[in-house]
C-alpha cells in the first residue's frame, strides 16, 4: 500500500479532527500519534527502525494510506521521497493559539515524561522522549524557542514539498478546501471537531505502568 496523504502539521493543529475527516471521506488505515499509545508492537517497530542509520521508510509506511501527527511530521522529507505522488496536508493554526493549547495539554505531559527513566520506559514513552521532546523541541518548551521551531518547520515544508502537492489547511475552514484539494465530494455531515489531546497525559502515565 502506498501513502496517499501525509500530514505535516505538529500535534494540536487539528490532526485528529483531520484523521476523522479523512476516514469519513473513505480513506482507511490512517496512522495518528494516538495509535502508538495503543499499540506496543507499533511503537516498538518504529523505535527500532528509526534508530537505524538508514531506516526502511517503506516498512514504516506500507500499511497506511494516511499518516499524521508526530513522529511522522518531523520526517516529511523522507516519507515524501518514498511517496512523491502523495498529497501533503499541513494543518495550520495561529502560533499563539497553538502554544497556549500545547501549554495546557501536551507540554505538562512532556514535562512528566522527561522524568521517566529512559531504559525503563515503554516504547511509546521512548518515542515521545526521542522524537517530540528531543528531536522536535530540543527539550526546550519556552515560548520563544517554540516559536522558532514552529515557523522553521513551516519554512522547511514549503521548501521540500511542491506547491501542487500541498494544502495548508485550517480545520476551521471545514470540508470545502479539503475536498477540493483531494477531488472528493463533500459530505453532508459537519466537519469533525475532536480534542484528542485531553487524553495525552493519561495515555503516557498508563504506559508507565506497563
Protein backbone atom coordinates (compact mmCIF):
# COMPACT_ATOMS: atom_id res chain seq x y z
CA UNK A 1 0.00 0.00 0.00
CA UNK A 2 1.36 3.43 -0.90
CA UNK A 3 0.75 6.55 1.16
CA UNK A 4 -1.87 8.84 -0.34
CA UNK A 5 -1.78 11.58 2.29
CA UNK A 6 0.97 12.75 4.63
CA UNK A 7 0.18 15.16 7.46
CA UNK A 8 2.95 17.70 8.00
CA UNK A 9 1.46 19.65 10.91
CA UNK A 10 2.50 19.27 14.54
CA UNK A 11 0.10 17.90 17.10
CA UNK A 12 -2.52 20.36 18.43
CA UNK A 13 -3.14 21.81 14.98
CA UNK A 14 -6.23 19.72 14.30
CA UNK A 15 -4.57 16.46 13.30
CA UNK A 16 -7.09 14.17 14.99
CA UNK A 17 -10.03 16.04 13.50
CA UNK A 18 -8.31 15.69 10.13
CA UNK A 19 -7.91 11.95 10.71
CA UNK A 20 -11.65 11.61 11.35
CA UNK A 21 -12.46 13.77 8.32
CA UNK A 22 -10.28 11.68 6.02
CA UNK A 23 -11.84 8.48 7.32
CA UNK A 24 -15.27 9.97 6.59
CA UNK A 25 -14.08 10.63 3.04
CA UNK A 26 -13.22 6.96 2.61
CA UNK A 27 -9.54 6.86 3.44
CA UNK A 28 -8.57 3.92 5.59
CA UNK A 29 -5.52 2.90 7.59
CA UNK A 30 -4.98 6.40 8.96
CA UNK A 31 -1.98 6.47 11.31
CA UNK A 32 -2.03 9.06 14.10
CA UNK A 33 0.10 9.62 17.19
CA UNK A 34 -2.68 8.21 19.35
CA UNK A 35 -2.25 4.83 17.63
CA UNK A 36 1.24 4.46 19.07
CA UNK A 37 -0.14 4.72 22.59
CA UNK A 38 -2.50 1.82 21.99
CA UNK A 39 -0.04 -0.48 20.22
CA UNK A 40 3.13 -1.70 21.91
CA UNK A 41 4.25 -3.51 18.75
CA UNK A 42 3.75 -0.41 16.56
CA UNK A 43 5.81 1.75 18.91
CA UNK A 44 8.49 -0.92 19.13
CA UNK A 45 8.72 -1.31 15.34
CA UNK A 46 9.05 2.43 14.74
CA UNK A 47 11.56 2.98 17.51
CA UNK A 48 13.80 0.14 16.34
CA UNK A 49 13.61 1.23 12.70
CA UNK A 50 14.19 4.93 13.40
CA UNK A 51 17.29 4.14 15.45
CA UNK A 52 18.96 2.55 12.42
CA UNK A 53 21.48 4.56 10.43
CA UNK A 54 19.34 4.05 7.34
CA UNK A 55 15.71 3.43 8.33
CA UNK A 56 13.50 1.45 5.99
CA UNK A 57 10.90 4.17 5.44
CA UNK A 58 8.85 1.85 3.26
CA UNK A 59 8.43 -0.63 6.10
CA UNK A 60 7.10 2.16 8.32
CA UNK A 61 4.54 3.35 5.81
CA UNK A 62 3.42 0.39 3.70
CA UNK A 63 0.37 -0.39 5.85
CA UNK A 64 -1.16 3.08 5.64
CA UNK A 65 -2.99 5.33 3.24
CA UNK A 66 -2.71 8.29 5.60
CA UNK A 67 -0.05 9.25 8.15
CA UNK A 68 -0.47 12.22 10.52
CA UNK A 69 0.99 13.95 13.59
CA UNK A 70 4.17 13.03 15.45
CA UNK A 71 6.52 11.33 14.75
CA UNK A 72 5.56 11.40 11.05
CA UNK A 73 5.55 15.19 10.80
CA UNK A 74 9.27 15.50 11.53
CA UNK A 75 10.18 13.02 8.76
CA UNK A 76 8.17 14.57 5.93
CA UNK A 77 11.11 14.77 3.54
CA UNK A 78 11.89 11.08 3.97
CA UNK A 79 8.31 9.86 3.58
CA UNK A 80 7.61 12.17 0.65
CA UNK A 81 10.77 10.97 -1.12
CA UNK A 82 9.40 7.44 -0.86
CA UNK A 83 5.93 8.56 -1.98
CA UNK A 84 6.37 11.54 -4.37
CA UNK A 85 2.79 11.34 -5.63
CA UNK A 86 1.37 11.70 -2.11
CA UNK A 87 -0.68 14.73 -1.12
CA UNK A 88 0.69 16.65 1.86
CA UNK A 89 -1.70 18.41 4.23
CA UNK A 90 -0.22 20.96 6.62
CA UNK A 91 -2.71 21.67 9.39
CA UNK A 92 -2.29 25.34 10.28
CA UNK A 93 -3.00 27.19 13.49
CA UNK A 94 -2.10 30.61 14.78
CA UNK A 95 1.13 30.20 16.76
CA UNK A 96 -0.13 31.85 19.96
CA UNK A 97 -3.26 29.70 19.97
CA UNK A 98 -1.20 26.58 19.27
CA UNK A 99 1.31 27.35 22.02
CA UNK A 100 -1.46 28.06 24.52
CA UNK A 101 -3.09 24.74 23.64
CA UNK A 102 0.22 22.87 23.92
CA UNK A 103 0.90 24.53 27.27
CA UNK A 104 -2.45 23.37 28.63
CA UNK A 105 -2.29 19.81 27.29
CA UNK A 106 0.86 18.35 25.74
CA UNK A 107 3.69 20.22 27.47
CA UNK A 108 2.69 19.16 31.01
CA UNK A 109 2.69 15.55 29.81
CA UNK A 110 6.12 16.05 28.21
CA UNK A 111 7.50 17.50 31.45
CA UNK A 112 6.25 14.37 33.22
CA UNK A 113 7.71 12.03 30.57
CA UNK A 114 11.05 13.80 30.87
CA UNK A 115 11.41 12.38 34.38
CA UNK A 116 10.73 8.78 33.35
CA UNK A 117 13.90 6.71 33.21
CA UNK A 118 14.54 6.04 29.52
CA UNK A 119 15.77 2.47 29.95
CA UNK A 120 12.66 1.52 31.90
CA UNK A 121 10.22 3.45 29.74
CA UNK A 122 7.70 1.82 27.41
CA UNK A 123 8.35 2.04 23.69
CA UNK A 124 5.67 4.72 23.36
CA UNK A 125 7.26 6.90 26.03
CA UNK A 126 10.64 6.39 24.36
CA UNK A 127 9.19 7.67 21.08
CA UNK A 128 7.76 10.69 22.88
CA UNK A 129 11.08 11.41 24.58
CA UNK A 130 13.23 10.97 21.48
CA UNK A 131 11.09 12.45 18.74
CA UNK A 132 8.93 15.07 20.44
CA UNK A 133 10.89 16.20 23.50
CA UNK A 134 14.37 15.91 21.99
CA UNK A 135 14.20 15.95 18.19
CA UNK A 136 11.36 18.46 17.85
CA UNK A 137 11.86 20.79 20.81
CA UNK A 138 15.42 20.03 21.96
CA UNK A 139 13.97 19.79 25.47
CA UNK A 140 13.09 23.49 25.48
CA UNK A 141 9.38 24.30 25.71
CA UNK A 142 9.75 28.04 26.20
CA UNK A 143 7.57 30.21 24.01
CA UNK A 144 10.44 31.94 22.22
CA UNK A 145 12.09 28.64 21.36
CA UNK A 146 8.81 27.01 20.35
CA UNK A 147 8.07 29.95 18.04
CA UNK A 148 11.35 29.38 16.21
CA UNK A 149 10.70 25.63 15.93
CA UNK A 150 7.13 26.15 14.74
CA UNK A 151 7.95 28.64 11.99
CA UNK A 152 11.13 26.82 10.94
CA UNK A 153 9.04 23.71 10.40
CA UNK A 154 6.64 25.62 8.16
CA UNK A 155 9.53 27.05 6.14
CA UNK A 156 11.12 23.63 5.72
CA UNK A 157 7.88 22.08 4.46
CA UNK A 158 7.45 24.88 1.93
CA UNK A 159 10.96 24.24 0.65
CA UNK A 160 10.70 20.49 0.17
CA UNK A 161 7.10 19.96 -1.00
CA UNK A 162 5.99 21.16 -4.47
CA UNK A 163 3.11 23.64 -4.36
CA UNK A 164 0.80 21.33 -6.31
CA UNK A 165 1.24 18.60 -3.71
CA UNK A 166 0.45 20.56 -0.57
CA UNK A 167 -2.56 22.09 1.14
CA UNK A 168 -2.15 24.49 4.05
CA UNK A 169 -5.34 23.76 5.90
CA UNK A 170 -7.11 25.18 8.93
CA UNK A 171 -9.68 22.69 10.21
CA UNK A 172 -12.00 25.63 10.98
CA UNK A 173 -12.40 26.06 7.21
CA UNK A 174 -14.25 22.75 7.04
CA UNK A 175 -14.84 20.44 4.11
CA UNK A 176 -14.58 22.74 1.10
CA UNK A 177 -10.79 23.33 0.80
CA UNK A 178 -10.01 19.76 1.85
CA UNK A 179 -12.40 18.13 -0.60
CA UNK A 180 -11.33 20.45 -3.38
CA UNK A 181 -7.69 19.53 -2.82
CA UNK A 182 -8.45 15.81 -2.72
CA UNK A 183 -11.04 15.92 -5.53
CA UNK A 184 -13.66 14.39 -3.23
CA UNK A 185 -17.38 15.04 -2.88
CA UNK A 186 -18.27 17.00 0.26
CA UNK A 187 -20.15 15.02 2.92
CA UNK A 188 -23.46 16.28 4.28
CA UNK A 189 -22.20 15.88 7.84
CA UNK A 190 -20.43 18.53 9.91
CA UNK A 191 -16.65 18.59 9.83
CA UNK A 192 -15.26 16.60 12.80
CA UNK A 193 -14.10 18.54 15.83
CA UNK A 194 -12.24 16.23 18.18
CA UNK A 195 -9.89 17.22 21.01
CA UNK A 196 -7.71 14.15 21.44
CA UNK A 197 -5.06 15.93 23.50
CA UNK A 198 -7.17 15.79 26.65
CA UNK A 199 -6.15 12.11 26.89
CA UNK A 200 -2.44 12.52 26.11
CA UNK A 201 -1.25 12.78 29.70
CA UNK A 202 -3.31 9.79 30.81
CA UNK A 203 -2.04 7.77 27.83
CA UNK A 204 1.56 8.44 28.84
CA UNK A 205 1.01 7.65 32.51
CA UNK A 206 -0.87 4.47 31.64
CA UNK A 207 2.14 3.39 29.57
CA UNK A 208 4.47 3.88 32.55
CA UNK A 209 2.57 1.19 34.46
CA UNK A 210 3.15 -1.48 31.84
